[in-house]
Amino acid sequence: MEKMDLYDGNKRPLGETIGRQEKTGPGTYTLMVHGLLINDSGQVLSQKRVETKTNWPSLWDLSCSGAVKTGETSQEALSREFKEELGLDLDLKTTAPILTASYQQGLSDYYLLPYSIDLAGLQIAKDEIQNVQWLDLADLFAYLDQGRFVPYQKSFLQALFDIYQAGSEILPD
């Protein structure tokens, strides 16, 4: 069984683990990672999940995501997921998440990464992904409206794109 570390609300490890499918207790969280590859045209690489996935089968999703396993850093987990799902070797050791979001059972680190690649060059994990494509924000929102995308809040996705477009100009000097 895949194990995950437990964290407090400030993303500090608690020294405890939990099985991937187990529920966390009050004040404890697991950690997930989400990497968005964004090309030179401002489009995000999107993947269509296979129909056998437990959560959101056959829906389009962001570039890459997964659970942080016991003993991994957020960056190591995302590098592993990119390799497993898309065949990409990305060294993210010095890359910080752009933001950490909380939800009922966990925390999610979001990474926004400039990366242009020909889709034919990807080695897609057929047991996880049906297809990949580049989507701009308007297309992504259309997919959401049509029920074809994992149900993120539009305002959250808009904020991710805004943060990416703002780059280092997010905070005043």
N, C-alpha and C. Protein backbone atom coordinates (compact mmCIF):
# COMPACT_ATOMS: atom_id res chain seq x y z
N MET A 1 0.84 -1.18 0.00
CA MET A 1 0.00 0.00 0.00
C MET A 1 0.88 1.25 0.00
N GLU A 2 0.54 2.19 -0.86
CA GLU A 2 1.28 3.45 -0.95
C GLU A 2 1.03 4.28 0.31
N LYS A 3 2.12 4.76 0.92
CA LYS A 3 2.03 5.55 2.14
C LYS A 3 2.37 7.01 1.85
N MET A 4 1.74 7.87 2.62
CA MET A 4 1.96 9.32 2.51
C MET A 4 2.25 9.87 3.90
N ASP A 5 3.12 10.88 3.96
CA ASP A 5 3.37 11.57 5.22
C ASP A 5 2.18 12.44 5.58
N LEU A 6 2.01 12.66 6.88
CA LEU A 6 0.98 13.59 7.36
C LEU A 6 1.66 14.90 7.75
N TYR A 7 0.93 16.00 7.52
CA TYR A 7 1.42 17.35 7.78
C TYR A 7 0.41 18.10 8.62
N ASP A 8 0.89 19.16 9.30
CA ASP A 8 -0.05 20.06 9.96
C ASP A 8 -0.49 21.12 8.96
N GLY A 9 -1.30 22.05 9.37
CA GLY A 9 -1.83 23.08 8.48
C GLY A 9 -0.79 24.04 7.93
N ASN A 10 0.42 24.03 8.51
CA ASN A 10 1.51 24.87 8.02
C ASN A 10 2.51 24.08 7.18
N LYS A 11 2.12 22.89 6.74
CA LYS A 11 2.91 22.01 5.89
C LYS A 11 4.16 21.51 6.60
N ARG A 12 4.08 21.37 7.92
CA ARG A 12 5.19 20.79 8.69
C ARG A 12 4.89 19.30 8.88
N PRO A 13 5.88 18.43 8.59
CA PRO A 13 5.67 16.99 8.77
C PRO A 13 5.38 16.65 10.23
N LEU A 14 4.45 15.73 10.44
CA LEU A 14 4.09 15.32 11.80
C LEU A 14 4.80 14.05 12.24
N GLY A 15 5.58 13.43 11.33
CA GLY A 15 6.27 12.19 11.68
C GLY A 15 5.35 10.98 11.67
N GLU A 16 4.21 11.10 11.02
CA GLU A 16 3.24 10.01 10.92
C GLU A 16 2.93 9.77 9.45
N THR A 17 2.47 8.56 9.14
CA THR A 17 2.09 8.24 7.78
C THR A 17 0.66 7.71 7.74
N ILE A 18 0.14 7.67 6.53
CA ILE A 18 -1.23 7.19 6.32
C ILE A 18 -1.26 6.50 4.95
N GLY A 19 -2.13 5.53 4.79
CA GLY A 19 -2.30 4.89 3.49
C GLY A 19 -2.96 5.85 2.52
N ARG A 20 -2.66 5.69 1.24
CA ARG A 20 -3.15 6.61 0.21
C ARG A 20 -4.66 6.76 0.23
N GLN A 21 -5.40 5.70 0.48
CA GLN A 21 -6.86 5.75 0.43
C GLN A 21 -7.50 6.06 1.79
N GLU A 22 -6.69 6.20 2.83
CA GLU A 22 -7.22 6.49 4.16
C GLU A 22 -7.55 7.97 4.31
N LYS A 23 -8.47 8.26 5.22
CA LYS A 23 -8.85 9.65 5.49
C LYS A 23 -7.98 10.19 6.63
N THR A 24 -7.65 11.46 6.52
CA THR A 24 -6.85 12.10 7.57
C THR A 24 -7.76 12.48 8.74
N GLY A 25 -7.13 12.69 9.89
CA GLY A 25 -7.87 13.12 11.06
C GLY A 25 -7.92 14.64 11.14
N PRO A 26 -8.60 15.17 12.14
CA PRO A 26 -8.69 16.63 12.28
C PRO A 26 -7.31 17.27 12.43
N GLY A 27 -7.07 18.33 11.67
CA GLY A 27 -5.82 19.06 11.75
C GLY A 27 -4.64 18.38 11.08
N THR A 28 -4.88 17.29 10.36
CA THR A 28 -3.80 16.60 9.65
C THR A 28 -4.12 16.57 8.16
N TYR A 29 -3.06 16.62 7.36
CA TYR A 29 -3.23 16.73 5.92
C TYR A 29 -2.20 15.87 5.19
N THR A 30 -2.56 15.41 4.01
CA THR A 30 -1.60 14.81 3.09
C THR A 30 -1.19 15.90 2.10
N LEU A 31 -0.18 15.60 1.28
CA LEU A 31 0.31 16.60 0.33
C LEU A 31 0.23 16.07 -1.09
N MET A 32 -0.35 16.86 -1.97
CA MET A 32 -0.44 16.56 -3.40
C MET A 32 0.37 17.60 -4.15
N VAL A 33 0.74 17.26 -5.39
CA VAL A 33 1.46 18.19 -6.25
C VAL A 33 0.75 18.29 -7.60
N HIS A 34 0.82 19.48 -8.18
CA HIS A 34 0.23 19.75 -9.49
C HIS A 34 1.22 20.60 -10.27
N GLY A 35 1.62 20.12 -11.43
CA GLY A 35 2.53 20.86 -12.28
C GLY A 35 1.84 21.28 -13.55
N LEU A 36 1.89 22.54 -13.86
CA LEU A 36 1.32 23.07 -15.10
C LEU A 36 2.45 23.47 -16.02
N LEU A 37 2.55 22.78 -17.14
CA LEU A 37 3.51 23.15 -18.17
C LEU A 37 2.84 24.15 -19.08
N ILE A 38 3.47 25.30 -19.27
CA ILE A 38 2.87 26.37 -20.05
C ILE A 38 3.82 26.71 -21.20
N ASN A 39 3.28 26.66 -22.43
CA ASN A 39 4.13 26.88 -23.61
C ASN A 39 4.29 28.37 -23.92
N ASP A 40 5.04 28.66 -24.97
CA ASP A 40 5.34 30.04 -25.35
C ASP A 40 4.09 30.83 -25.74
N SER A 41 3.01 30.14 -26.09
CA SER A 41 1.75 30.80 -26.46
C SER A 41 0.83 30.99 -25.26
N GLY A 42 1.29 30.60 -24.05
CA GLY A 42 0.47 30.75 -22.85
C GLY A 42 -0.56 29.65 -22.67
N GLN A 43 -0.41 28.55 -23.40
CA GLN A 43 -1.32 27.42 -23.25
C GLN A 43 -0.76 26.44 -22.23
N VAL A 44 -1.67 25.75 -21.53
CA VAL A 44 -1.27 24.75 -20.55
C VAL A 44 -1.42 23.36 -21.18
N LEU A 45 -0.42 22.52 -20.93
CA LEU A 45 -0.51 21.13 -21.37
C LEU A 45 -1.58 20.46 -20.52
N SER A 46 -2.53 19.83 -21.17
CA SER A 46 -3.63 19.15 -20.47
C SER A 46 -3.63 17.69 -20.85
N GLN A 47 -4.03 16.87 -19.89
CA GLN A 47 -4.10 15.43 -20.13
C GLN A 47 -5.52 14.94 -19.90
N LYS A 48 -5.92 13.98 -20.70
CA LYS A 48 -7.23 13.34 -20.52
C LYS A 48 -7.01 12.05 -19.73
N ARG A 49 -7.65 11.97 -18.58
CA ARG A 49 -7.49 10.83 -17.70
C ARG A 49 -8.16 9.58 -18.30
N VAL A 50 -7.60 8.41 -18.03
CA VAL A 50 -8.20 7.18 -18.54
C VAL A 50 -9.54 6.92 -17.85
N GLU A 51 -10.37 6.12 -18.48
CA GLU A 51 -11.71 5.84 -17.95
C GLU A 51 -11.68 4.95 -16.72
N THR A 52 -10.55 4.34 -16.41
CA THR A 52 -10.46 3.46 -15.23
C THR A 52 -10.01 4.20 -13.97
N LYS A 53 -9.71 5.50 -14.08
CA LYS A 53 -9.33 6.27 -12.90
C LYS A 53 -10.49 6.32 -11.89
N THR A 54 -10.17 6.23 -10.61
CA THR A 54 -11.19 6.29 -9.56
C THR A 54 -11.83 7.68 -9.52
N ASN A 55 -10.99 8.70 -9.55
CA ASN A 55 -11.48 10.08 -9.49
C ASN A 55 -11.45 10.69 -10.89
N TRP A 56 -12.54 11.27 -11.29
CA TRP A 56 -12.68 12.02 -12.54
C TRP A 56 -12.23 11.24 -13.78
N PRO A 57 -12.74 10.03 -13.97
CA PRO A 57 -12.36 9.27 -15.16
C PRO A 57 -12.79 9.98 -16.44
N SER A 58 -11.96 9.86 -17.46
CA SER A 58 -12.21 10.40 -18.80
C SER A 58 -12.37 11.91 -18.86
N LEU A 59 -11.94 12.62 -17.83
CA LEU A 59 -11.99 14.09 -17.86
C LEU A 59 -10.59 14.64 -18.13
N TRP A 60 -10.55 15.82 -18.73
CA TRP A 60 -9.30 16.52 -18.95
C TRP A 60 -8.83 17.12 -17.63
N ASP A 61 -7.53 17.21 -17.48
CA ASP A 61 -6.94 17.71 -16.23
C ASP A 61 -5.71 18.56 -16.57
N LEU A 62 -5.12 19.14 -15.56
CA LEU A 62 -3.90 19.91 -15.72
C LEU A 62 -2.76 18.99 -16.13
N SER A 63 -1.61 19.53 -16.41
CA SER A 63 -0.49 18.78 -16.99
C SER A 63 -0.14 17.49 -16.26
N CYS A 64 0.05 17.59 -14.95
CA CYS A 64 0.55 16.45 -14.20
C CYS A 64 0.25 16.65 -12.73
N SER A 65 -0.14 15.58 -12.05
CA SER A 65 -0.37 15.70 -10.61
C SER A 65 -0.25 14.34 -9.95
N GLY A 66 -0.15 14.36 -8.62
CA GLY A 66 -0.06 13.11 -7.88
C GLY A 66 0.20 13.35 -6.41
N ALA A 67 0.28 12.26 -5.69
CA ALA A 67 0.51 12.30 -4.25
C ALA A 67 1.99 12.33 -3.94
N VAL A 68 2.34 13.03 -2.87
CA VAL A 68 3.70 13.02 -2.35
C VAL A 68 3.80 11.80 -1.44
N LYS A 69 4.66 10.86 -1.81
CA LYS A 69 4.83 9.64 -1.03
C LYS A 69 5.71 9.89 0.18
N THR A 70 5.63 8.99 1.14
CA THR A 70 6.43 9.08 2.36
C THR A 70 7.91 9.26 2.02
N GLY A 71 8.52 10.27 2.64
CA GLY A 71 9.94 10.53 2.46
C GLY A 71 10.28 11.42 1.29
N GLU A 72 9.33 11.74 0.43
CA GLU A 72 9.59 12.59 -0.73
C GLU A 72 9.36 14.06 -0.39
N THR A 73 10.07 14.92 -1.09
CA THR A 73 9.74 16.34 -1.06
C THR A 73 8.68 16.57 -2.13
N SER A 74 8.06 17.71 -2.08
CA SER A 74 7.09 18.10 -3.10
C SER A 74 7.74 18.08 -4.48
N GLN A 75 8.95 18.62 -4.59
CA GLN A 75 9.66 18.69 -5.87
C GLN A 75 10.00 17.29 -6.39
N GLU A 76 10.45 16.41 -5.51
CA GLU A 76 10.77 15.04 -5.92
C GLU A 76 9.52 14.33 -6.43
N ALA A 77 8.42 14.53 -5.74
CA ALA A 77 7.17 13.89 -6.15
C ALA A 77 6.73 14.37 -7.53
N LEU A 78 6.81 15.67 -7.76
CA LEU A 78 6.38 16.19 -9.06
C LEU A 78 7.33 15.72 -10.17
N SER A 79 8.62 15.69 -9.90
CA SER A 79 9.57 15.16 -10.89
C SER A 79 9.23 13.71 -11.22
N ARG A 80 8.93 12.91 -10.20
CA ARG A 80 8.55 11.51 -10.41
C ARG A 80 7.29 11.41 -11.25
N GLU A 81 6.29 12.23 -10.95
CA GLU A 81 5.03 12.18 -11.69
C GLU A 81 5.22 12.57 -13.16
N PHE A 82 6.03 13.60 -13.42
CA PHE A 82 6.30 13.99 -14.81
C PHE A 82 6.97 12.84 -15.57
N LYS A 83 7.90 12.15 -14.91
CA LYS A 83 8.58 11.02 -15.54
C LYS A 83 7.59 9.88 -15.80
N GLU A 84 6.81 9.52 -14.78
CA GLU A 84 5.87 8.40 -14.91
C GLU A 84 4.77 8.67 -15.93
N GLU A 85 4.20 9.86 -15.91
CA GLU A 85 3.03 10.15 -16.73
C GLU A 85 3.37 10.61 -18.14
N LEU A 86 4.44 11.39 -18.29
CA LEU A 86 4.73 12.01 -19.58
C LEU A 86 6.12 11.68 -20.13
N GLY A 87 6.92 10.93 -19.36
CA GLY A 87 8.26 10.59 -19.82
C GLY A 87 9.24 11.74 -19.79
N LEU A 88 8.95 12.78 -19.01
CA LEU A 88 9.81 13.97 -18.95
C LEU A 88 10.73 13.92 -17.75
N ASP A 89 12.01 14.20 -17.97
CA ASP A 89 12.98 14.30 -16.88
C ASP A 89 13.13 15.77 -16.52
N LEU A 90 12.48 16.19 -15.46
CA LEU A 90 12.55 17.58 -15.03
C LEU A 90 13.19 17.64 -13.65
N ASP A 91 14.24 18.43 -13.52
CA ASP A 91 14.90 18.62 -12.24
C ASP A 91 14.26 19.83 -11.58
N LEU A 92 13.50 19.58 -10.53
CA LEU A 92 12.77 20.65 -9.86
C LEU A 92 13.31 20.94 -8.45
N LYS A 93 14.53 20.48 -8.15
CA LYS A 93 15.09 20.62 -6.80
C LYS A 93 15.10 22.06 -6.30
N THR A 94 15.33 23.01 -7.20
CA THR A 94 15.42 24.41 -6.78
C THR A 94 14.17 25.20 -7.15
N THR A 95 13.12 24.51 -7.53
CA THR A 95 11.88 25.16 -7.94
C THR A 95 10.89 25.15 -6.78
N ALA A 96 10.35 26.31 -6.48
CA ALA A 96 9.35 26.41 -5.40
C ALA A 96 7.94 26.42 -6.00
N PRO A 97 6.98 25.87 -5.26
CA PRO A 97 5.61 25.97 -5.75
C PRO A 97 5.18 27.44 -5.77
N ILE A 98 4.34 27.78 -6.73
CA ILE A 98 3.85 29.16 -6.83
C ILE A 98 2.83 29.44 -5.72
N LEU A 99 2.14 28.38 -5.30
CA LEU A 99 1.21 28.50 -4.18
C LEU A 99 0.87 27.14 -3.63
N THR A 100 0.41 27.13 -2.39
CA THR A 100 -0.09 25.92 -1.75
C THR A 100 -1.54 26.20 -1.38
N ALA A 101 -2.42 25.33 -1.85
CA ALA A 101 -3.85 25.45 -1.56
C ALA A 101 -4.25 24.34 -0.59
N SER A 102 -5.21 24.63 0.26
CA SER A 102 -5.70 23.60 1.17
C SER A 102 -7.11 23.19 0.76
N TYR A 103 -7.42 21.96 1.06
CA TYR A 103 -8.76 21.43 0.84
C TYR A 103 -9.06 20.52 2.02
N GLN A 104 -10.21 19.89 2.04
CA GLN A 104 -10.68 19.16 3.22
C GLN A 104 -9.67 18.16 3.77
N GLN A 105 -9.08 17.34 2.94
CA GLN A 105 -8.18 16.28 3.41
C GLN A 105 -6.70 16.57 3.21
N GLY A 106 -6.37 17.68 2.54
CA GLY A 106 -4.96 17.84 2.26
C GLY A 106 -4.53 19.21 1.81
N LEU A 107 -3.29 19.24 1.37
CA LEU A 107 -2.66 20.43 0.84
C LEU A 107 -2.17 20.11 -0.56
N SER A 108 -2.21 21.09 -1.44
CA SER A 108 -1.76 20.90 -2.81
C SER A 108 -0.78 22.00 -3.19
N ASP A 109 0.43 21.57 -3.59
CA ASP A 109 1.43 22.50 -4.11
C ASP A 109 1.23 22.62 -5.62
N TYR A 110 1.18 23.85 -6.12
CA TYR A 110 1.02 24.13 -7.55
C TYR A 110 2.29 24.75 -8.09
N TYR A 111 2.79 24.18 -9.18
CA TYR A 111 3.98 24.65 -9.86
C TYR A 111 3.58 25.10 -11.26
N LEU A 112 4.04 26.27 -11.68
CA LEU A 112 3.79 26.79 -13.02
C LEU A 112 5.14 26.84 -13.73
N LEU A 113 5.28 26.02 -14.78
CA LEU A 113 6.58 25.82 -15.40
C LEU A 113 6.55 26.16 -16.89
N PRO A 114 7.37 27.12 -17.32
CA PRO A 114 7.45 27.39 -18.77
C PRO A 114 8.11 26.20 -19.45
N TYR A 115 7.42 25.63 -20.44
CA TYR A 115 7.95 24.43 -21.09
C TYR A 115 7.21 24.19 -22.39
N SER A 116 7.90 24.32 -23.48
CA SER A 116 7.30 24.04 -24.78
C SER A 116 7.88 22.73 -25.30
N ILE A 117 7.02 21.86 -25.77
CA ILE A 117 7.44 20.57 -26.30
C ILE A 117 6.45 20.14 -27.37
N ASP A 118 6.96 19.45 -28.36
CA ASP A 118 6.10 18.83 -29.36
C ASP A 118 5.42 17.64 -28.68
N LEU A 119 4.12 17.58 -28.73
CA LEU A 119 3.37 16.52 -28.05
C LEU A 119 3.78 15.13 -28.50
N ALA A 120 4.25 15.01 -29.73
CA ALA A 120 4.69 13.71 -30.25
C ALA A 120 5.93 13.21 -29.50
N GLY A 121 6.64 14.11 -28.84
CA GLY A 121 7.84 13.73 -28.10
C GLY A 121 7.57 13.20 -26.70
N LEU A 122 6.32 13.22 -26.27
CA LEU A 122 5.98 12.72 -24.94
C LEU A 122 5.83 11.21 -24.94
N GLN A 123 6.20 10.60 -23.83
CA GLN A 123 6.00 9.17 -23.62
C GLN A 123 4.86 9.02 -22.62
N ILE A 124 3.65 8.97 -23.14
CA ILE A 124 2.44 8.99 -22.31
C ILE A 124 2.22 7.65 -21.63
N ALA A 125 1.93 7.68 -20.34
CA ALA A 125 1.59 6.47 -19.58
C ALA A 125 0.16 6.09 -19.93
N LYS A 126 0.00 5.10 -20.79
CA LYS A 126 -1.32 4.71 -21.29
C LYS A 126 -2.24 4.17 -20.21
N ASP A 127 -1.68 3.75 -19.06
CA ASP A 127 -2.52 3.28 -17.96
C ASP A 127 -3.11 4.43 -17.15
N GLU A 128 -2.66 5.68 -17.44
CA GLU A 128 -3.16 6.85 -16.71
C GLU A 128 -3.77 7.91 -17.62
N ILE A 129 -3.25 8.00 -18.85
CA ILE A 129 -3.60 9.11 -19.74
C ILE A 129 -4.08 8.58 -21.08
N GLN A 130 -5.21 9.12 -21.56
CA GLN A 130 -5.72 8.78 -22.89
C GLN A 130 -5.12 9.65 -23.98
N ASN A 131 -4.93 10.94 -23.65
CA ASN A 131 -4.53 11.90 -24.67
C ASN A 131 -3.95 13.14 -23.99
N VAL A 132 -3.23 13.94 -24.75
CA VAL A 132 -2.72 15.23 -24.25
C VAL A 132 -2.96 16.29 -25.32
N GLN A 133 -3.08 17.53 -24.90
CA GLN A 133 -3.21 18.65 -25.83
C GLN A 133 -2.89 19.94 -25.09
N TRP A 134 -2.56 20.97 -25.88
CA TRP A 134 -2.35 22.31 -25.33
C TRP A 134 -3.70 23.02 -25.32
N LEU A 135 -4.07 23.65 -24.19
CA LEU A 135 -5.31 24.41 -24.09
C LEU A 135 -5.02 25.82 -23.61
N ASP A 136 -5.66 26.80 -24.25
CA ASP A 136 -5.59 28.15 -23.69
C ASP A 136 -6.71 28.26 -22.65
N LEU A 137 -6.70 29.35 -21.93
CA LEU A 137 -7.65 29.50 -20.82
C LEU A 137 -9.10 29.47 -21.30
N ALA A 138 -9.39 30.06 -22.43
CA ALA A 138 -10.77 30.06 -22.96
C ALA A 138 -11.24 28.64 -23.26
N ASP A 139 -10.37 27.83 -23.88
CA ASP A 139 -10.73 26.43 -24.17
C ASP A 139 -10.90 25.64 -22.88
N LEU A 140 -10.01 25.88 -21.93
CA LEU A 140 -10.11 25.20 -20.65
C LEU A 140 -11.44 25.52 -19.97
N PHE A 141 -11.83 26.79 -19.97
CA PHE A 141 -13.11 27.19 -19.39
C PHE A 141 -14.28 26.56 -20.15
N ALA A 142 -14.17 26.46 -21.47
CA ALA A 142 -15.23 25.81 -22.26
C ALA A 142 -15.36 24.35 -21.86
N TYR A 143 -14.24 23.67 -21.68
CA TYR A 143 -14.26 22.27 -21.24
C TYR A 143 -14.92 22.15 -19.85
N LEU A 144 -14.60 23.10 -18.97
CA LEU A 144 -15.24 23.10 -17.65
C LEU A 144 -16.75 23.24 -17.78
N ASP A 145 -17.20 24.19 -18.58
CA ASP A 145 -18.63 24.42 -18.78
C ASP A 145 -19.34 23.20 -19.36
N GLN A 146 -18.62 22.44 -20.19
CA GLN A 146 -19.19 21.26 -20.83
C GLN A 146 -19.06 20.01 -19.96
N GLY A 147 -18.48 20.12 -18.77
CA GLY A 147 -18.30 18.97 -17.89
C GLY A 147 -17.22 18.02 -18.37
N ARG A 148 -16.28 18.54 -19.18
CA ARG A 148 -15.22 17.70 -19.75
C ARG A 148 -13.88 17.87 -19.03
N PHE A 149 -13.83 18.72 -18.00
CA PHE A 149 -12.59 19.00 -17.28
C PHE A 149 -12.81 18.73 -15.80
N VAL A 150 -11.75 18.29 -15.10
CA VAL A 150 -11.83 18.11 -13.66
C VAL A 150 -12.41 19.40 -13.06
N PRO A 151 -13.37 19.29 -12.14
CA PRO A 151 -14.12 20.48 -11.68
C PRO A 151 -13.36 21.44 -10.77
N TYR A 152 -12.38 22.12 -11.32
CA TYR A 152 -11.73 23.22 -10.61
C TYR A 152 -12.64 24.44 -10.64
N GLN A 153 -12.45 25.35 -9.71
CA GLN A 153 -13.14 26.63 -9.76
C GLN A 153 -12.49 27.49 -10.84
N LYS A 154 -13.30 28.11 -11.67
CA LYS A 154 -12.75 28.97 -12.72
C LYS A 154 -11.87 30.07 -12.13
N SER A 155 -12.30 30.64 -11.02
CA SER A 155 -11.54 31.74 -10.42
C SER A 155 -10.15 31.27 -9.98
N PHE A 156 -10.05 30.03 -9.54
CA PHE A 156 -8.76 29.49 -9.13
C PHE A 156 -7.85 29.32 -10.34
N LEU A 157 -8.38 28.73 -11.41
CA LEU A 157 -7.58 28.56 -12.63
C LEU A 157 -7.19 29.91 -13.22
N GLN A 158 -8.11 30.88 -13.18
CA GLN A 158 -7.79 32.22 -13.66
C GLN A 158 -6.65 32.81 -12.83
N ALA A 159 -6.71 32.61 -11.53
CA ALA A 159 -5.64 33.12 -10.65
C ALA A 159 -4.30 32.49 -10.99
N LEU A 160 -4.27 31.19 -11.28
CA LEU A 160 -3.01 30.54 -11.67
C LEU A 160 -2.44 31.16 -12.94
N PHE A 161 -3.31 31.36 -13.94
CA PHE A 161 -2.85 31.99 -15.18
C PHE A 161 -2.39 33.42 -14.93
N ASP A 162 -3.12 34.16 -14.10
CA ASP A 162 -2.73 35.54 -13.78
C ASP A 162 -1.37 35.58 -13.10
N ILE A 163 -1.15 34.67 -12.16
CA ILE A 163 0.14 34.61 -11.46
C ILE A 163 1.25 34.31 -12.44
N TYR A 164 1.01 33.37 -13.34
CA TYR A 164 2.03 33.01 -14.32
C TYR A 164 2.35 34.20 -15.23
N GLN A 165 1.31 34.88 -15.71
CA GLN A 165 1.52 36.01 -16.61
C GLN A 165 2.20 37.17 -15.90
N ALA A 166 1.93 37.34 -14.62
CA ALA A 166 2.54 38.44 -13.86
C ALA A 166 4.02 38.17 -13.60
N GLY A 167 4.40 36.89 -13.52
CA GLY A 167 5.79 36.52 -13.28
C GLY A 167 6.31 37.13 -12.01
N SER A 168 7.45 37.78 -12.08
CA SER A 168 8.08 38.33 -10.88
C SER A 168 7.45 39.66 -10.47
N GLU A 169 6.45 40.11 -11.21
CA GLU A 169 5.84 41.40 -10.88
C GLU A 169 4.67 41.26 -9.92
N ILE A 170 4.53 40.09 -9.26
CA ILE A 170 3.39 39.84 -8.37
C ILE A 170 3.45 40.74 -7.15
N LEU A 171 4.63 40.83 -6.53
CA LEU A 171 4.77 41.60 -5.31
C LEU A 171 5.49 42.92 -5.59
N PRO A 172 5.08 43.98 -4.92
CA PRO A 172 5.78 45.27 -5.12
C PRO A 172 7.17 45.21 -4.51
N ASP A 173 8.05 46.09 -4.99
CA ASP A 173 9.42 46.17 -4.44
C ASP A 173 9.41 46.70 -3.02
